[in-house]
Amino acid sequence: MQIEELCSEIANAGAKQLAVSYLFLRPAIKKSLESNISDKKLLAKIIDSYKTGCKIKIGTGNSAGVALPADIRNQLYEHIRKTAQQFGISVHICGCKNNDITSESCNITKPQSSDQIGLF
């Protein structure tokens, strides 16, 4: 799905905010991709994208992953931000997983208001 289509659907659902982060390649995720993506060209394209990335600590624990290069993530996040803005949606980049480019909170773990409906 293209970003424009996704933002349109998000806006149609009534959402005003969007939290974003790109895949951080951890060993278990890489293994899962290798097991589940039968298109070898696609798999190679995904894995190769991370070859020039950097290892980043994620959150407060011992977790880490390889991120896409910061300049690529910044370009992609800016595209998402501009597109979402056209639909009246504000974008928050997950600072837990992008701590090399932002200290922003995605507000996923700490809702901004008590109006949020519980999932369960």
PDB file of N, CA and C in Angstrom:
ATOM      1  N   MET A   1       0.852  -1.178   0.000  1.00  0.00           N
ATOM      2  CA  MET A   1       0.000   0.000   0.000  1.00  0.00           C
ATOM      3  C   MET A   1       0.896   1.238   0.000  1.00  0.00           C
ATOM      4  N   GLN A   2       0.559   2.215  -0.798  1.00  0.00           N
ATOM      5  CA  GLN A   2       1.316   3.451  -0.874  1.00  0.00           C
ATOM      6  C   GLN A   2       1.006   4.326   0.344  1.00  0.00           C
ATOM      7  N   ILE A   3       1.939   5.205   0.687  1.00  0.00           N
ATOM      8  CA  ILE A   3       1.784   6.079   1.849  1.00  0.00           C
ATOM      9  C   ILE A   3       0.516   6.931   1.721  1.00  0.00           C
ATOM     10  N   GLU A   4       0.252   7.440   0.535  1.00  0.00           N
ATOM     11  CA  GLU A   4      -0.936   8.281   0.323  1.00  0.00           C
ATOM     12  C   GLU A   4      -2.221   7.513   0.633  1.00  0.00           C
ATOM     13  N   GLU A   5      -2.290   6.284   0.143  1.00  0.00           N
ATOM     14  CA  GLU A   5      -3.473   5.458   0.397  1.00  0.00           C
ATOM     15  C   GLU A   5      -3.609   5.151   1.881  1.00  0.00           C
ATOM     16  N   LEU A   6      -2.492   4.837   2.513  1.00  0.00           N
ATOM     17  CA  LEU A   6      -2.508   4.525   3.934  1.00  0.00           C
ATOM     18  C   LEU A   6      -2.971   5.735   4.747  1.00  0.00           C
ATOM     19  N   CYS A   7      -2.429   6.908   4.450  1.00  0.00           N
ATOM     20  CA  CYS A   7      -2.825   8.121   5.168  1.00  0.00           C
ATOM     21  C   CYS A   7      -4.301   8.436   4.945  1.00  0.00           C
ATOM     22  N   SER A   8      -4.794   8.213   3.745  1.00  0.00           N
ATOM     23  CA  SER A   8      -6.212   8.426   3.454  1.00  0.00           C
ATOM     24  C   SER A   8      -7.073   7.518   4.320  1.00  0.00           C
ATOM     25  N   GLU A   9      -6.700   6.261   4.413  1.00  0.00           N
ATOM     26  CA  GLU A   9      -7.463   5.316   5.230  1.00  0.00           C
ATOM     27  C   GLU A   9      -7.394   5.676   6.714  1.00  0.00           C
ATOM     28  N   ILE A  10      -6.222   6.110   7.157  1.00  0.00           N
ATOM     29  CA  ILE A  10      -6.060   6.510   8.563  1.00  0.00           C
ATOM     30  C   ILE A  10      -6.960   7.704   8.858  1.00  0.00           C
ATOM     31  N   ALA A  11      -6.954   8.692   7.959  1.00  0.00           N
ATOM     32  CA  ALA A  11      -7.802   9.876   8.138  1.00  0.00           C
ATOM     33  C   ALA A  11      -9.271   9.497   8.106  1.00  0.00           C
ATOM     34  N   ASN A  12      -9.665   8.606   7.197  1.00  0.00           N
ATOM     35  CA  ASN A  12     -11.060   8.169   7.104  1.00  0.00           C
ATOM     36  C   ASN A  12     -11.516   7.452   8.371  1.00  0.00           C
ATOM     37  N   ALA A  13     -10.564   6.836   9.061  1.00  0.00           N
ATOM     38  CA  ALA A  13     -10.894   6.157  10.316  1.00  0.00           C
ATOM     39  C   ALA A  13     -11.012   7.140  11.484  1.00  0.00           C
ATOM     40  N   GLY A  14     -10.631   8.417  11.223  1.00  0.00           N
ATOM     41  CA  GLY A  14     -10.765   9.438  12.258  1.00  0.00           C
ATOM     42  C   GLY A  14      -9.510   9.696  13.065  1.00  0.00           C
ATOM     43  N   ALA A  15      -8.430   9.031  12.739  1.00  0.00           N
ATOM     44  CA  ALA A  15      -7.183   9.235  13.483  1.00  0.00           C
ATOM     45  C   ALA A  15      -6.562  10.572  13.102  1.00  0.00           C
ATOM     46  N   LYS A  16      -5.941  11.214  14.060  1.00  0.00           N
ATOM     47  CA  LYS A  16      -5.282  12.507  13.849  1.00  0.00           C
ATOM     48  C   LYS A  16      -3.773  12.430  14.044  1.00  0.00           C
ATOM     49  N   GLN A  17      -3.302  11.290  14.557  1.00  0.00           N
ATOM     50  CA  GLN A  17      -1.879  11.111  14.827  1.00  0.00           C
ATOM     51  C   GLN A  17      -1.420   9.752  14.325  1.00  0.00           C
ATOM     52  N   LEU A  18      -0.159   9.703  13.941  1.00  0.00           N
ATOM     53  CA  LEU A  18       0.433   8.482  13.415  1.00  0.00           C
ATOM     54  C   LEU A  18       1.829   8.320  14.011  1.00  0.00           C
ATOM     55  N   ALA A  19       2.127   7.172  14.558  1.00  0.00           N
ATOM     56  CA  ALA A  19       3.458   6.861  15.064  1.00  0.00           C
ATOM     57  C   ALA A  19       4.175   6.008  14.027  1.00  0.00           C
ATOM     58  N   VAL A  20       5.437   6.356  13.715  1.00  0.00           N
ATOM     59  CA  VAL A  20       6.167   5.640  12.677  1.00  0.00           C
ATOM     60  C   VAL A  20       7.552   5.203  13.136  1.00  0.00           C
ATOM     61  N   SER A  21       7.987   4.098  12.566  1.00  0.00           N
ATOM     62  CA  SER A  21       9.353   3.607  12.723  1.00  0.00           C
ATOM     63  C   SER A  21       9.570   2.570  11.626  1.00  0.00           C
ATOM     64  N   TYR A  22      10.793   2.489  11.151  1.00  0.00           N
ATOM     65  CA  TYR A  22      11.127   1.478  10.155  1.00  0.00           C
ATOM     66  C   TYR A  22      11.640   0.227  10.842  1.00  0.00           C
ATOM     67  N   LEU A  23      11.656  -0.854  10.118  1.00  0.00           N
ATOM     68  CA  LEU A  23      12.133  -2.128  10.619  1.00  0.00           C
ATOM     69  C   LEU A  23      13.577  -2.015  11.092  1.00  0.00           C
ATOM     70  N   PHE A  24      13.848  -2.540  12.261  1.00  0.00           N
ATOM     71  CA  PHE A  24      15.215  -2.673  12.755  1.00  0.00           C
ATOM     72  C   PHE A  24      15.540  -4.152  12.678  1.00  0.00           C
ATOM     73  N   LEU A  25      16.572  -4.456  11.957  1.00  0.00           N
ATOM     74  CA  LEU A  25      16.891  -5.841  11.641  1.00  0.00           C
ATOM     75  C   LEU A  25      17.669  -6.477  12.791  1.00  0.00           C
ATOM     76  N   ARG A  26      16.993  -7.349  13.487  1.00  0.00           N
ATOM     77  CA  ARG A  26      17.603  -8.132  14.562  1.00  0.00           C
ATOM     78  C   ARG A  26      17.803  -9.545  14.021  1.00  0.00           C
ATOM     79  N   PRO A  27      18.694 -10.332  14.618  1.00  0.00           N
ATOM     80  CA  PRO A  27      18.947 -11.685  14.102  1.00  0.00           C
ATOM     81  C   PRO A  27      17.680 -12.525  13.945  1.00  0.00           C
ATOM     82  N   ALA A  28      16.782 -12.482  14.914  1.00  0.00           N
ATOM     83  CA  ALA A  28      15.559 -13.294  14.826  1.00  0.00           C
ATOM     84  C   ALA A  28      14.646 -12.806  13.698  1.00  0.00           C
ATOM     85  N   ILE A  29      14.608 -11.504  13.490  1.00  0.00           N
ATOM     86  CA  ILE A  29      13.784 -10.960  12.410  1.00  0.00           C
ATOM     87  C   ILE A  29      14.375 -11.342  11.063  1.00  0.00           C
ATOM     88  N   LYS A  30      15.693 -11.249  10.945  1.00  0.00           N
ATOM     89  CA  LYS A  30      16.355 -11.636   9.692  1.00  0.00           C
ATOM     90  C   LYS A  30      16.069 -13.104   9.383  1.00  0.00           C
ATOM     91  N   LYS A  31      16.174 -13.949  10.390  1.00  0.00           N
ATOM     92  CA  LYS A  31      15.907 -15.375  10.210  1.00  0.00           C
ATOM     93  C   LYS A  31      14.457 -15.603   9.774  1.00  0.00           C
ATOM     94  N   SER A  32      13.532 -14.864  10.381  1.00  0.00           N
ATOM     95  CA  SER A  32      12.126 -14.988  10.014  1.00  0.00           C
ATOM     96  C   SER A  32      11.892 -14.541   8.575  1.00  0.00           C
ATOM     97  N   LEU A  33      12.511 -13.439   8.178  1.00  0.00           N
ATOM     98  CA  LEU A  33      12.382 -12.973   6.791  1.00  0.00           C
ATOM     99  C   LEU A  33      12.908 -14.031   5.825  1.00  0.00           C
ATOM    100  N   GLU A  34      14.055 -14.599   6.143  1.00  0.00           N
ATOM    101  CA  GLU A  34      14.663 -15.615   5.279  1.00  0.00           C
ATOM    102  C   GLU A  34      13.777 -16.856   5.167  1.00  0.00           C
ATOM    103  N   SER A  35      13.060 -17.173   6.239  1.00  0.00           N
ATOM    104  CA  SER A  35      12.183 -18.345   6.234  1.00  0.00           C
ATOM    105  C   SER A  35      10.849 -18.087   5.548  1.00  0.00           C
ATOM    106  N   ASN A  36      10.413 -16.835   5.536  1.00  0.00           N
ATOM    107  CA  ASN A  36       9.053 -16.547   5.095  1.00  0.00           C
ATOM    108  C   ASN A  36       8.924 -15.774   3.787  1.00  0.00           C
ATOM    109  N   ILE A  37      10.012 -15.250   3.275  1.00  0.00           N
ATOM    110  CA  ILE A  37       9.940 -14.544   1.992  1.00  0.00           C
ATOM    111  C   ILE A  37      10.521 -15.450   0.920  1.00  0.00           C
ATOM    112  N   SER A  38       9.652 -15.952   0.078  1.00  0.00           N
ATOM    113  CA  SER A  38      10.098 -16.893  -0.954  1.00  0.00           C
ATOM    114  C   SER A  38      10.724 -16.185  -2.158  1.00  0.00           C
ATOM    115  N   ASP A  39      10.372 -14.909  -2.358  1.00  0.00           N
ATOM    116  CA  ASP A  39      10.938 -14.127  -3.457  1.00  0.00           C
ATOM    117  C   ASP A  39      12.363 -13.707  -3.068  1.00  0.00           C
ATOM    118  N   LYS A  40      13.347 -14.422  -3.582  1.00  0.00           N
ATOM    119  CA  LYS A  40      14.747 -14.211  -3.183  1.00  0.00           C
ATOM    120  C   LYS A  40      15.274 -12.836  -3.582  1.00  0.00           C
ATOM    121  N   LYS A  41      14.773 -12.293  -4.694  1.00  0.00           N
ATOM    122  CA  LYS A  41      15.202 -10.942  -5.103  1.00  0.00           C
ATOM    123  C   LYS A  41      14.691  -9.904  -4.112  1.00  0.00           C
ATOM    124  N   LEU A  42      13.458 -10.058  -3.691  1.00  0.00           N
ATOM    125  CA  LEU A  42      12.886  -9.150  -2.701  1.00  0.00           C
ATOM    126  C   LEU A  42      13.632  -9.274  -1.380  1.00  0.00           C
ATOM    127  N   LEU A  43      13.878 -10.501  -0.956  1.00  0.00           N
ATOM    128  CA  LEU A  43      14.604 -10.736   0.283  1.00  0.00           C
ATOM    129  C   LEU A  43      15.978 -10.071   0.229  1.00  0.00           C
ATOM    130  N   ALA A  44      16.698 -10.263  -0.862  1.00  0.00           N
ATOM    131  CA  ALA A  44      18.031  -9.657  -1.011  1.00  0.00           C
ATOM    132  C   ALA A  44      17.943  -8.136  -0.960  1.00  0.00           C
ATOM    133  N   LYS A  45      16.935  -7.567  -1.580  1.00  0.00           N
ATOM    134  CA  LYS A  45      16.760  -6.114  -1.584  1.00  0.00           C
ATOM    135  C   LYS A  45      16.565  -5.597  -0.159  1.00  0.00           C
ATOM    136  N   ILE A  46      15.754  -6.299   0.611  1.00  0.00           N
ATOM    137  CA  ILE A  46      15.503  -5.893   2.000  1.00  0.00           C
ATOM    138  C   ILE A  46      16.782  -6.003   2.820  1.00  0.00           C
ATOM    139  N   ILE A  47      17.423  -7.161   2.790  1.00  0.00           N
ATOM    140  CA  ILE A  47      18.629  -7.394   3.593  1.00  0.00           C
ATOM    141  C   ILE A  47      19.760  -6.455   3.176  1.00  0.00           C
ATOM    142  N   ASP A  48      19.934  -6.271   1.877  1.00  0.00           N
ATOM    143  CA  ASP A  48      21.009  -5.396   1.384  1.00  0.00           C
ATOM    144  C   ASP A  48      20.827  -3.953   1.826  1.00  0.00           C
ATOM    145  N   SER A  49      19.591  -3.528   2.040  1.00  0.00           N
ATOM    146  CA  SER A  49      19.327  -2.156   2.484  1.00  0.00           C
ATOM    147  C   SER A  49      19.964  -1.855   3.832  1.00  0.00           C
ATOM    148  N   TYR A  50      20.219  -2.889   4.597  1.00  0.00           N
ATOM    149  CA  TYR A  50      20.753  -2.716   5.953  1.00  0.00           C
ATOM    150  C   TYR A  50      22.278  -2.843   6.024  1.00  0.00           C
ATOM    151  N   LYS A  51      22.914  -3.171   4.924  1.00  0.00           N
ATOM    152  CA  LYS A  51      24.369  -3.388   4.950  1.00  0.00           C
ATOM    153  C   LYS A  51      25.153  -2.148   5.339  1.00  0.00           C
ATOM    154  N   THR A  52      24.658  -0.967   4.997  1.00  0.00           N
ATOM    155  CA  THR A  52      25.352   0.271   5.369  1.00  0.00           C
ATOM    156  C   THR A  52      24.713   0.933   6.584  1.00  0.00           C
ATOM    157  N   GLY A  53      23.807   0.222   7.230  1.00  0.00           N
ATOM    158  CA  GLY A  53      23.143   0.745   8.416  1.00  0.00           C
ATOM    159  C   GLY A  53      24.044   0.700   9.630  1.00  0.00           C
ATOM    160  N   CYS A  54      23.496   1.109  10.755  1.00  0.00           N
ATOM    161  CA  CYS A  54      24.278   1.121  11.988  1.00  0.00           C
ATOM    162  C   CYS A  54      23.508   0.382  13.080  1.00  0.00           C
ATOM    163  N   LYS A  55      24.254  -0.172  14.014  1.00  0.00           N
ATOM    164  CA  LYS A  55      23.646  -0.881  15.131  1.00  0.00           C
ATOM    165  C   LYS A  55      23.200   0.148  16.161  1.00  0.00           C
ATOM    166  N   ILE A  56      21.952   0.030  16.586  1.00  0.00           N
ATOM    167  CA  ILE A  56      21.378   0.989  17.517  1.00  0.00           C
ATOM    168  C   ILE A  56      20.735   0.247  18.680  1.00  0.00           C
ATOM    169  N   LYS A  57      20.994   0.741  19.872  1.00  0.00           N
ATOM    170  CA  LYS A  57      20.348   0.209  21.067  1.00  0.00           C
ATOM    171  C   LYS A  57      18.895   0.644  21.033  1.00  0.00           C
ATOM    172  N   ILE A  58      18.008  -0.273  21.348  1.00  0.00           N
ATOM    173  CA  ILE A  58      16.580   0.009  21.296  1.00  0.00           C
ATOM    174  C   ILE A  58      16.014  -0.018  22.711  1.00  0.00           C
ATOM    175  N   GLY A  59      15.376   1.074  23.095  1.00  0.00           N
ATOM    176  CA  GLY A  59      14.745   1.152  24.409  1.00  0.00           C
ATOM    177  C   GLY A  59      15.769   1.201  25.523  1.00  0.00           C
ATOM    178  N   THR A  60      15.356   0.730  26.689  1.00  0.00           N
ATOM    179  CA  THR A  60      16.217   0.813  27.865  1.00  0.00           C
ATOM    180  C   THR A  60      16.870  -0.519  28.220  1.00  0.00           C
ATOM    181  N   GLY A  61      16.509  -1.582  27.547  1.00  0.00           N
ATOM    182  CA  GLY A  61      17.069  -2.895  27.843  1.00  0.00           C
ATOM    183  C   GLY A  61      18.325  -3.181  27.043  1.00  0.00           C
ATOM    184  N   ASN A  62      18.592  -4.464  26.830  1.00  0.00           N
ATOM    185  CA  ASN A  62      19.781  -4.890  26.095  1.00  0.00           C
ATOM    186  C   ASN A  62      19.505  -5.122  24.619  1.00  0.00           C
ATOM    187  N   SER A  63      18.350  -4.730  24.169  1.00  0.00           N
ATOM    188  CA  SER A  63      17.966  -4.983  22.789  1.00  0.00           C
ATOM    189  C   SER A  63      18.659  -4.011  21.840  1.00  0.00           C
ATOM    190  N   ALA A  64      19.048  -4.533  20.677  1.00  0.00           N
ATOM    191  CA  ALA A  64      19.671  -3.701  19.645  1.00  0.00           C
ATOM    192  C   ALA A  64      19.302  -4.274  18.292  1.00  0.00           C
ATOM    193  N   GLY A  65      19.440  -3.451  17.282  1.00  0.00           N
ATOM    194  CA  GLY A  65      19.145  -3.891  15.925  1.00  0.00           C
ATOM    195  C   GLY A  65      19.901  -3.037  14.936  1.00  0.00           C
ATOM    196  N   VAL A  66      19.967  -3.490  13.712  1.00  0.00           N
ATOM    197  CA  VAL A  66      20.611  -2.719  12.656  1.00  0.00           C
ATOM    198  C   VAL A  66      19.537  -1.860  12.000  1.00  0.00           C
ATOM    199  N   ALA A  67      19.805  -0.574  11.938  1.00  0.00           N
ATOM    200  CA  ALA A  67      18.859   0.375  11.364  1.00  0.00           C
ATOM    201  C   ALA A  67      19.280   0.744   9.954  1.00  0.00           C
ATOM    202  N   LEU A  68      18.312   1.135   9.156  1.00  0.00           N
ATOM    203  CA  LEU A  68      18.644   1.748   7.877  1.00  0.00           C
ATOM    204  C   LEU A  68      19.502   2.978   8.178  1.00  0.00           C
ATOM    205  N   PRO A  69      20.356   3.390   7.266  1.00  0.00           N
ATOM    206  CA  PRO A  69      21.165   4.587   7.513  1.00  0.00           C
ATOM    207  C   PRO A  69      20.284   5.788   7.881  1.00  0.00           C
ATOM    208  N   ALA A  70      20.786   6.637   8.779  1.00  0.00           N
ATOM    209  CA  ALA A  70      20.012   7.763   9.297  1.00  0.00           C
ATOM    210  C   ALA A  70      19.525   8.697   8.196  1.00  0.00           C
ATOM    211  N   ASP A  71      20.347   8.956   7.194  1.00  0.00           N
ATOM    212  CA  ASP A  71      19.923   9.873   6.133  1.00  0.00           C
ATOM    213  C   ASP A  71      18.739   9.311   5.347  1.00  0.00           C
ATOM    214  N   ILE A  72      18.725   8.005   5.149  1.00  0.00           N
ATOM    215  CA  ILE A  72      17.605   7.369   4.441  1.00  0.00           C
ATOM    216  C   ILE A  72      16.346   7.444   5.299  1.00  0.00           C
ATOM    217  N   ARG A  73      16.474   7.113   6.581  1.00  0.00           N
ATOM    218  CA  ARG A  73      15.303   7.184   7.467  1.00  0.00           C
ATOM    219  C   ARG A  73      14.761   8.602   7.535  1.00  0.00           C
ATOM    220  N   ASN A  74      15.642   9.587   7.654  1.00  0.00           N
ATOM    221  CA  ASN A  74      15.188  10.984   7.720  1.00  0.00           C
ATOM    222  C   ASN A  74      14.415  11.369   6.462  1.00  0.00           C
ATOM    223  N   GLN A  75      14.907  10.973   5.300  1.00  0.00           N
ATOM    224  CA  GLN A  75      14.215  11.282   4.044  1.00  0.00           C
ATOM    225  C   GLN A  75      12.844  10.620   4.000  1.00  0.00           C
ATOM    226  N   LEU A  76      12.801   9.354   4.383  1.00  0.00           N
ATOM    227  CA  LEU A  76      11.541   8.612   4.349  1.00  0.00           C
ATOM    228  C   LEU A  76      10.540   9.154   5.365  1.00  0.00           C
ATOM    229  N   TYR A  77      11.003   9.479   6.575  1.00  0.00           N
ATOM    230  CA  TYR A  77      10.116  10.047   7.592  1.00  0.00           C
ATOM    231  C   TYR A  77       9.579  11.404   7.139  1.00  0.00           C
ATOM    232  N   GLU A  78      10.405  12.204   6.495  1.00  0.00           N
ATOM    233  CA  GLU A  78       9.955  13.510   6.004  1.00  0.00           C
ATOM    234  C   GLU A  78       8.875  13.336   4.940  1.00  0.00           C
ATOM    235  N   HIS A  79       9.050  12.352   4.068  1.00  0.00           N
ATOM    236  CA  HIS A  79       8.020  12.066   3.055  1.00  0.00           C
ATOM    237  C   HIS A  79       6.708  11.664   3.728  1.00  0.00           C
ATOM    238  N   ILE A  80       6.801  10.807   4.722  1.00  0.00           N
ATOM    239  CA  ILE A  80       5.599  10.378   5.444  1.00  0.00           C
ATOM    240  C   ILE A  80       4.954  11.577   6.138  1.00  0.00           C
ATOM    241  N   ARG A  81       5.768  12.416   6.784  1.00  0.00           N
ATOM    242  CA  ARG A  81       5.252  13.579   7.509  1.00  0.00           C
ATOM    243  C   ARG A  81       4.501  14.528   6.562  1.00  0.00           C
ATOM    244  N   LYS A  82       5.107  14.826   5.410  1.00  0.00           N
ATOM    245  CA  LYS A  82       4.479  15.732   4.437  1.00  0.00           C
ATOM    246  C   LYS A  82       3.184  15.144   3.883  1.00  0.00           C
ATOM    247  N   THR A  83       3.203  13.872   3.596  1.00  0.00           N
ATOM    248  CA  THR A  83       2.012  13.215   3.058  1.00  0.00           C
ATOM    249  C   THR A  83       0.897  13.198   4.095  1.00  0.00           C
ATOM    250  N   ALA A  84       1.225  12.818   5.316  1.00  0.00           N
ATOM    251  CA  ALA A  84       0.221  12.746   6.380  1.00  0.00           C
ATOM    252  C   ALA A  84      -0.378  14.118   6.666  1.00  0.00           C
ATOM    253  N   GLN A  85       0.450  15.140   6.591  1.00  0.00           N
ATOM    254  CA  GLN A  85      -0.009  16.507   6.847  1.00  0.00           C
ATOM    255  C   GLN A  85      -1.136  16.898   5.883  1.00  0.00           C
ATOM    256  N   GLN A  86      -1.063  16.413   4.652  1.00  0.00           N
ATOM    257  CA  GLN A  86      -2.101  16.698   3.660  1.00  0.00           C
ATOM    258  C   GLN A  86      -3.459  16.128   4.071  1.00  0.00           C
ATOM    259  N   PHE A  87      -3.443  15.144   4.954  1.00  0.00           N
ATOM    260  CA  PHE A  87      -4.668  14.506   5.421  1.00  0.00           C
ATOM    261  C   PHE A  87      -5.022  14.932   6.845  1.00  0.00           C
ATOM    262  N   GLY A  88      -4.319  15.946   7.358  1.00  0.00           N
ATOM    263  CA  GLY A  88      -4.592  16.434   8.708  1.00  0.00           C
ATOM    264  C   GLY A  88      -4.070  15.532   9.805  1.00  0.00           C
ATOM    265  N   ILE A  89      -3.057  14.749   9.503  1.00  0.00           N
ATOM    266  CA  ILE A  89      -2.490  13.795  10.465  1.00  0.00           C
ATOM    267  C   ILE A  89      -1.099  14.269  10.874  1.00  0.00           C
ATOM    268  N   SER A  90      -0.852  14.309  12.186  1.00  0.00           N
ATOM    269  CA  SER A  90       0.496  14.627  12.658  1.00  0.00           C
ATOM    270  C   SER A  90       1.269  13.324  12.867  1.00  0.00           C
ATOM    271  N   VAL A  91       2.558  13.362  12.566  1.00  0.00           N
ATOM    272  CA  VAL A  91       3.400  12.170  12.616  1.00  0.00           C
ATOM    273  C   VAL A  91       4.392  12.288  13.770  1.00  0.00           C
ATOM    274  N   HIS A  92       4.523  11.194  14.503  1.00  0.00           N
ATOM    275  CA  HIS A  92       5.483  11.111  15.601  1.00  0.00           C
ATOM    276  C   HIS A  92       6.457   9.977  15.293  1.00  0.00           C
ATOM    277  N   ILE A  93       7.733  10.285  15.296  1.00  0.00           N
ATOM    278  CA  ILE A  93       8.754   9.272  15.053  1.00  0.00           C
ATOM    279  C   ILE A  93       9.102   8.618  16.385  1.00  0.00           C
ATOM    280  N   CYS A  94       9.164   7.309  16.389  1.00  0.00           N
ATOM    281  CA  CYS A  94       9.494   6.561  17.604  1.00  0.00           C
ATOM    282  C   CYS A  94      10.948   6.825  17.998  1.00  0.00           C
ATOM    283  N   GLY A  95      11.135   7.570  19.082  1.00  0.00           N
ATOM    284  CA  GLY A  95      12.477   7.876  19.572  1.00  0.00           C
ATOM    285  C   GLY A  95      13.160   6.683  20.231  1.00  0.00           C
ATOM    286  N   CYS A  96      12.380   5.697  20.670  1.00  0.00           N
ATOM    287  CA  CYS A  96      12.981   4.498  21.268  1.00  0.00           C
ATOM    288  C   CYS A  96      13.844   3.760  20.244  1.00  0.00           C
ATOM    289  N   LYS A  97      13.353   3.720  19.008  1.00  0.00           N
ATOM    290  CA  LYS A  97      14.044   2.978  17.964  1.00  0.00           C
ATOM    291  C   LYS A  97      14.814   3.871  17.008  1.00  0.00           C
ATOM    292  N   ASN A  98      14.715   5.164  17.167  1.00  0.00           N
ATOM    293  CA  ASN A  98      15.416   6.099  16.286  1.00  0.00           C
ATOM    294  C   ASN A  98      16.169   7.126  17.116  1.00  0.00           C
ATOM    295  N   ASN A  99      16.751   6.678  18.222  1.00  0.00           N
ATOM    296  CA  ASN A  99      17.386   7.596  19.145  1.00  0.00           C
ATOM    297  C   ASN A  99      18.626   8.289  18.578  1.00  0.00           C
ATOM    298  N   ASP A 100      19.059   7.866  17.412  1.00  0.00           N
ATOM    299  CA  ASP A 100      20.179   8.545  16.760  1.00  0.00           C
ATOM    300  C   ASP A 100      19.721   9.747  15.940  1.00  0.00           C
ATOM    301  N   ILE A 101      18.404   9.867  15.699  1.00  0.00           N
ATOM    302  CA  ILE A 101      17.919  10.993  14.905  1.00  0.00           C
ATOM    303  C   ILE A 101      16.826  11.803  15.605  1.00  0.00           C
ATOM    304  N   THR A 102      16.256  11.288  16.693  1.00  0.00           N
ATOM    305  CA  THR A 102      15.212  12.049  17.394  1.00  0.00           C
ATOM    306  C   THR A 102      15.104  11.609  18.846  1.00  0.00           C
ATOM    307  N   SER A 103      14.611  12.529  19.661  1.00  0.00           N
ATOM    308  CA  SER A 103      14.270  12.184  21.048  1.00  0.00           C
ATOM    309  C   SER A 103      12.758  12.253  21.228  1.00  0.00           C
ATOM    310  N   GLU A 104      12.058  12.388  20.094  1.00  0.00           N
ATOM    311  CA  GLU A 104      10.601  12.480  20.089  1.00  0.00           C
ATOM    312  C   GLU A 104       9.980  11.191  20.617  1.00  0.00           C
ATOM    313  N   SER A 105       8.832  11.332  21.233  1.00  0.00           N
ATOM    314  CA  SER A 105       8.087  10.171  21.679  1.00  0.00           C
ATOM    315  C   SER A 105       6.997   9.852  20.667  1.00  0.00           C
ATOM    316  N   CYS A 106       6.813   8.578  20.406  1.00  0.00           N
ATOM    317  CA  CYS A 106       5.727   8.161  19.514  1.00  0.00           C
ATOM    318  C   CYS A 106       4.410   8.080  20.280  1.00  0.00           C
ATOM    319  N   ASN A 107       4.486   8.165  21.603  1.00  0.00           N
ATOM    320  CA  ASN A 107       3.309   8.148  22.480  1.00  0.00           C
ATOM    321  C   ASN A 107       2.539   6.834  22.447  1.00  0.00           C
ATOM    322  N   ILE A 108       3.188   5.767  22.017  1.00  0.00           N
ATOM    323  CA  ILE A 108       2.499   4.475  21.991  1.00  0.00           C
ATOM    324  C   ILE A 108       2.387   3.894  23.395  1.00  0.00           C
ATOM    325  N   THR A 109       3.464   3.967  24.157  1.00  0.00           N
ATOM    326  CA  THR A 109       3.447   3.364  25.484  1.00  0.00           C
ATOM    327  C   THR A 109       2.879   4.293  26.548  1.00  0.00           C
ATOM    328  N   LYS A 110       2.795   5.589  26.264  1.00  0.00           N
ATOM    329  CA  LYS A 110       2.268   6.559  27.221  1.00  0.00           C
ATOM    330  C   LYS A 110       1.221   7.419  26.521  1.00  0.00           C
ATOM    331  N   PRO A 111      -0.028   6.965  26.528  1.00  0.00           N
ATOM    332  CA  PRO A 111      -1.077   7.732  25.843  1.00  0.00           C
ATOM    333  C   PRO A 111      -1.135   9.173  26.351  1.00  0.00           C
ATOM    334  N   GLN A 112      -1.407  10.127  25.446  1.00  0.00           N
ATOM    335  CA  GLN A 112      -1.467  11.528  25.808  1.00  0.00           C
ATOM    336  C   GLN A 112      -2.736  11.877  26.568  1.00  0.00           C
ATOM    337  N   SER A 113      -3.785  11.105  26.400  1.00  0.00           N
ATOM    338  CA  SER A 113      -5.029  11.417  27.094  1.00  0.00           C
ATOM    339  C   SER A 113      -5.654  10.144  27.635  1.00  0.00           C
ATOM    340  N   SER A 114      -6.574  10.338  28.544  1.00  0.00           N
ATOM    341  CA  SER A 114      -7.277   9.178  29.105  1.00  0.00           C
ATOM    342  C   SER A 114      -8.456   8.778  28.229  1.00  0.00           C
ATOM    343  N   ASP A 115      -8.651   9.478  27.094  1.00  0.00           N
ATOM    344  CA  ASP A 115      -9.750   9.167  26.186  1.00  0.00           C
ATOM    345  C   ASP A 115      -9.499   7.904  25.366  1.00  0.00           C
ATOM    346  N   GLN A 116      -8.268   7.408  25.401  1.00  0.00           N
ATOM    347  CA  GLN A 116      -7.940   6.240  24.598  1.00  0.00           C
ATOM    348  C   GLN A 116      -8.724   5.037  25.084  1.00  0.00           C
ATOM    349  N   ILE A 117      -9.295   4.315  24.156  1.00  0.00           N
ATOM    350  CA  ILE A 117     -10.087   3.141  24.479  1.00  0.00           C
ATOM    351  C   ILE A 117      -9.166   1.939  24.652  1.00  0.00           C
ATOM    352  N   GLY A 118      -9.375   1.159  25.688  1.00  0.00           N
ATOM    353  CA  GLY A 118      -8.593  -0.038  25.914  1.00  0.00           C
ATOM    354  C   GLY A 118      -8.864  -1.091  24.854  1.00  0.00           C
ATOM    355  N   LEU A 119      -7.847  -1.868  24.538  1.00  0.00           N
ATOM    356  CA  LEU A 119      -8.012  -2.917  23.531  1.00  0.00           C
ATOM    357  C   LEU A 119      -8.709  -4.151  24.097  1.00  0.00           C
ATOM    358  N   PHE A 120      -8.557  -4.393  25.380  1.00  0.00           N
ATOM    359  CA  PHE A 120      -9.105  -5.604  25.959  1.00  0.00           C
ATOM    360  C   PHE A 120      -9.992  -5.287  27.140  1.00  0.00           C
TER     361      PHE A 120
END
